[in-house]
Amino acid sequence: MKPVKPTKETLSRTYILQTALNLLDQAGLQKFTMRKLGQEMNVSPMAVYRYFPNQGALFDGLVELIWRNALILKTCKSTNSSWQEYVTDLMSQLRQTLLKHPHVLPLISTHPIVTRSEFTLVEETLTKLKEKGLNIQPTTVFLINSLTVYTLGFVWAEAIEPADGGKIDSEVMKELQDNSGPLSELLQALQTEQYTSEQQFLMGLKAILTGWK
């Protein structure tokens, strides 16, 4: 949905970011330029530079917007939920946010958290996790990184179509399965579509949080 332009003569940081995200949704990252962004808002690109000194700063702002959408839970479940359940809800919301805006995947995957607002969001999230029983340690960062990378990778595989190739040869697959018991057992669930994408995603999260069983 195209963002509504402010009624005042001046632009706003929020409106610029929402318009940029809308433009990315339509055209993708490779076709995005500050000039096109200005044209979309019917303003000179120089007007945008008053809020963002360069395109890199704008992209940092977009990453911040995505994280804000992902880390502020839209629905609050029971206050008695465990930290594992809370993390699962956060990662599920991150997945849904990215599925709505798959063209931001290259940005969110390559731009680390750098803004004050992003670090504030992280602090608020860690505080909530601590309240729910997570013991914050130096190694906790590796758990968070693992969960985030898993979610990003899952959405990449889920939302981005291969540019060329990547097509399964059904005859080769059948031959491999007929001659390999382990392969047949491994691929059966995928071929019969026994599990939805969401179910697969949640099983992976559970494996990271509690161990594979």
Protein backbone atom coordinates (compact mmCIF):
# COMPACT_ATOMS: atom_id res chain seq x y z
CA MET A 1 0.00 0.00 0.00
CA LYS A 2 1.37 3.39 -1.02
CA PRO A 3 2.07 5.62 2.01
CA VAL A 4 0.05 8.79 2.44
CA LYS A 5 2.05 11.97 1.88
CA PRO A 6 2.14 14.36 4.87
CA THR A 7 -0.30 17.25 4.67
CA LYS A 8 2.43 19.72 5.60
CA GLU A 9 4.76 21.19 3.01
CA THR A 10 7.77 19.49 4.57
CA LEU A 11 8.59 15.82 4.24
CA SER A 12 9.14 13.50 7.18
CA ARG A 13 11.68 10.78 7.83
CA THR A 14 8.93 8.21 8.34
CA TYR A 15 7.19 9.09 5.07
CA ILE A 16 10.46 8.86 3.12
CA LEU A 17 11.26 5.44 4.57
CA GLN A 18 7.76 4.11 3.92
CA THR A 19 7.89 5.40 0.34
CA ALA A 20 11.33 3.87 -0.18
CA LEU A 21 10.08 0.52 1.14
CA ASN A 22 7.07 0.70 -1.16
CA LEU A 23 9.38 1.45 -4.10
CA LEU A 24 11.60 -1.50 -3.22
CA ASP A 25 8.55 -3.76 -3.03
CA GLN A 26 7.62 -2.75 -6.57
CA ALA A 27 10.96 -2.58 -8.37
CA GLY A 28 13.56 -4.35 -6.25
CA LEU A 29 16.89 -3.20 -4.86
CA GLN A 30 18.85 -3.20 -8.12
CA LYS A 31 16.54 -0.64 -9.74
CA PHE A 32 16.32 1.61 -6.71
CA THR A 33 17.86 5.10 -6.87
CA MET A 34 17.52 8.25 -4.83
CA ARG A 35 16.32 10.00 -7.98
CA LYS A 36 13.48 7.50 -8.41
CA LEU A 37 12.61 7.94 -4.76
CA GLY A 38 12.35 11.70 -5.24
CA GLN A 39 10.21 11.23 -8.33
CA GLU A 40 7.89 8.91 -6.41
CA MET A 41 7.29 11.68 -3.87
CA ASN A 42 7.30 14.50 -6.47
CA VAL A 43 10.26 16.21 -4.82
CA SER A 44 13.87 16.88 -5.72
CA PRO A 45 16.37 14.21 -4.58
CA MET A 46 18.06 17.01 -2.63
CA ALA A 47 14.99 17.16 -0.39
CA VAL A 48 15.63 13.56 0.62
CA TYR A 49 19.28 14.33 1.42
CA ARG A 50 18.13 16.74 4.12
CA TYR A 51 16.95 13.69 6.07
CA PHE A 52 19.45 11.09 4.84
CA PRO A 53 22.96 12.29 3.85
CA ASN A 54 23.42 9.42 1.39
CA GLN A 55 21.82 6.23 0.12
CA GLY A 56 23.67 4.17 2.72
CA ALA A 57 22.03 6.13 5.53
CA LEU A 58 18.64 5.59 3.88
CA PHE A 59 19.26 1.85 3.67
CA ASP A 60 20.25 1.81 7.36
CA GLY A 61 16.93 3.51 8.06
CA LEU A 62 15.08 0.85 6.06
CA VAL A 63 16.81 -1.93 7.98
CA GLU A 64 15.82 -0.18 11.21
CA LEU A 65 12.19 0.00 9.99
CA ILE A 66 12.13 -3.73 9.21
CA TRP A 67 13.61 -4.64 12.59
CA ARG A 68 11.07 -2.42 14.35
CA ASN A 69 8.25 -4.18 12.51
CA ALA A 70 9.76 -7.54 13.43
CA LEU A 71 10.71 -7.03 17.08
CA ILE A 72 7.59 -5.29 18.35
CA LEU A 73 5.12 -8.14 18.70
CA LYS A 74 1.72 -7.35 17.21
CA THR A 75 -0.06 -9.86 19.42
CA CYS A 76 0.87 -10.53 23.02
CA LYS A 77 0.45 -14.09 24.23
CA SER A 78 0.29 -15.20 27.82
CA THR A 79 2.62 -13.37 30.18
CA ASN A 80 3.57 -16.81 31.51
CA SER A 81 5.14 -17.89 28.22
CA SER A 82 8.75 -19.09 28.32
CA TRP A 83 11.63 -17.23 26.71
CA GLN A 84 11.76 -19.98 24.06
CA GLU A 85 8.12 -19.31 23.15
CA TYR A 86 8.79 -15.58 23.09
CA VAL A 87 11.77 -16.03 20.75
CA THR A 88 9.69 -18.30 18.52
CA ASP A 89 7.02 -15.59 18.26
CA LEU A 90 9.67 -12.98 17.39
CA MET A 91 11.29 -15.09 14.68
CA SER A 92 7.89 -16.00 13.26
CA GLN A 93 7.03 -12.32 13.05
CA LEU A 94 10.40 -11.58 11.42
CA ARG A 95 9.64 -14.27 8.83
CA GLN A 96 6.19 -12.81 8.10
CA THR A 97 7.64 -9.29 7.84
CA LEU A 98 10.29 -10.41 5.36
CA LEU A 99 7.77 -12.39 3.31
CA LYS A 100 5.82 -9.15 2.87
CA HIS A 101 8.98 -7.33 1.72
CA PRO A 102 11.28 -9.96 0.12
CA HIS A 103 13.26 -7.31 -1.80
CA VAL A 104 14.75 -6.03 1.46
CA LEU A 105 16.41 -9.41 2.12
CA PRO A 106 19.78 -8.29 0.66
CA LEU A 107 19.72 -5.24 2.95
CA ILE A 108 18.68 -6.99 6.15
CA SER A 109 21.20 -9.78 5.45
CA THR A 110 24.20 -7.51 4.89
CA HIS A 111 23.53 -4.44 7.05
CA PRO A 112 24.38 -4.93 10.73
CA ILE A 113 22.52 -3.13 13.49
CA VAL A 114 24.11 0.33 13.72
CA THR A 115 21.50 2.91 14.73
CA ARG A 116 20.62 4.02 18.25
CA SER A 117 17.00 3.01 17.71
CA GLU A 118 18.01 -0.51 16.68
CA PHE A 119 20.17 -0.98 19.77
CA THR A 120 17.28 0.29 21.91
CA LEU A 121 15.04 -2.37 20.34
CA VAL A 122 17.64 -5.05 21.07
CA GLU A 123 17.94 -3.87 24.67
CA GLU A 124 14.16 -3.99 25.13
CA THR A 125 14.05 -7.48 23.63
CA LEU A 126 16.86 -8.76 25.86
CA THR A 127 15.16 -7.28 28.92
CA LYS A 128 11.95 -9.11 28.03
CA LEU A 129 13.84 -12.38 27.47
CA LYS A 130 15.62 -11.99 30.80
CA GLU A 131 12.28 -11.45 32.54
CA LYS A 132 11.08 -14.72 30.98
CA GLY A 133 14.04 -16.68 32.31
CA LEU A 134 16.85 -16.44 29.75
CA ASN A 135 20.25 -16.16 31.45
CA ILE A 136 22.09 -13.52 29.41
CA GLN A 137 25.70 -14.61 28.86
CA PRO A 138 28.50 -13.65 26.44
CA THR A 139 27.49 -16.66 24.30
CA THR A 140 23.88 -15.48 24.06
CA VAL A 141 24.87 -13.39 21.04
CA PHE A 142 25.65 -16.62 19.15
CA LEU A 143 22.18 -17.99 19.90
CA ILE A 144 20.58 -14.77 18.63
CA ASN A 145 22.78 -14.78 15.52
CA SER A 146 21.91 -18.42 14.82
CA LEU A 147 18.19 -17.77 15.10
CA THR A 148 18.37 -14.66 12.91
CA VAL A 149 20.53 -16.27 10.21
CA TYR A 150 18.29 -19.34 10.18
CA THR A 151 15.20 -17.17 9.71
CA LEU A 152 16.81 -15.07 6.97
CA GLY A 153 18.03 -18.16 5.14
CA PHE A 154 14.65 -19.83 5.38
CA VAL A 155 12.90 -16.81 3.88
CA TRP A 156 15.54 -16.56 1.11
CA ALA A 157 14.75 -20.16 0.11
CA GLU A 158 11.02 -19.59 0.55
CA ALA A 159 10.52 -16.26 -1.22
CA ILE A 160 13.23 -15.91 -3.87
CA GLU A 161 12.84 -17.84 -7.11
CA PRO A 162 16.06 -19.09 -8.79
CA ALA A 163 17.16 -16.87 -11.67
CA ASP A 164 17.89 -19.92 -13.82
CA GLY A 165 18.07 -23.66 -13.31
CA GLY A 166 17.07 -25.12 -9.98
CA LYS A 167 14.46 -27.40 -11.53
CA ILE A 168 14.06 -30.92 -10.15
CA ASP A 169 14.38 -33.76 -12.64
CA SER A 170 11.62 -36.11 -11.51
CA GLU A 171 13.15 -39.12 -13.29
CA VAL A 172 16.51 -38.62 -11.60
CA MET A 173 14.82 -38.17 -8.23
CA LYS A 174 12.82 -41.39 -8.67
CA GLU A 175 15.94 -43.32 -9.70
CA LEU A 176 17.88 -42.06 -6.68
CA GLN A 177 15.06 -42.90 -4.31
CA ASP A 178 14.53 -46.36 -5.77
CA ASN A 179 18.20 -47.17 -5.24
CA SER A 180 18.75 -45.48 -1.89
CA GLY A 181 16.80 -46.24 1.25
CA PRO A 182 18.14 -43.21 3.20
CA LEU A 183 17.33 -40.80 0.36
CA SER A 184 13.85 -42.21 0.01
CA GLU A 185 13.16 -41.72 3.72
CA LEU A 186 14.67 -38.24 3.69
CA LEU A 187 12.78 -36.88 0.68
CA GLN A 188 9.42 -38.56 1.17
CA ALA A 189 8.02 -35.84 3.44
CA LEU A 190 9.07 -33.09 1.03
CA GLN A 191 7.70 -34.80 -2.05
CA THR A 192 4.36 -35.56 -0.45
CA GLU A 193 4.21 -32.00 0.97
CA GLN A 194 3.56 -33.52 4.36
CA TYR A 195 4.58 -30.31 6.15
CA THR A 196 3.74 -26.70 5.34
CA SER A 197 6.48 -24.05 5.10
CA GLU A 198 5.43 -22.67 8.48
CA GLN A 199 5.58 -26.11 10.10
CA GLN A 200 9.06 -26.69 8.66
CA PHE A 201 10.18 -23.28 9.90
CA LEU A 202 8.89 -23.91 13.43
CA MET A 203 10.52 -27.35 13.56
CA GLY A 204 13.85 -25.77 12.68
CA LEU A 205 13.45 -23.11 15.38
CA LYS A 206 12.63 -25.77 17.95
CA ALA A 207 15.71 -27.76 16.94
CA ILE A 208 17.94 -24.71 17.51
CA LEU A 209 16.34 -23.89 20.87
CA THR A 210 15.93 -27.36 22.37
CA GLY A 211 17.98 -29.77 20.26
CA TRP A 212 17.03 -32.10 17.45
CA LYS A 213 15.00 -35.15 18.48
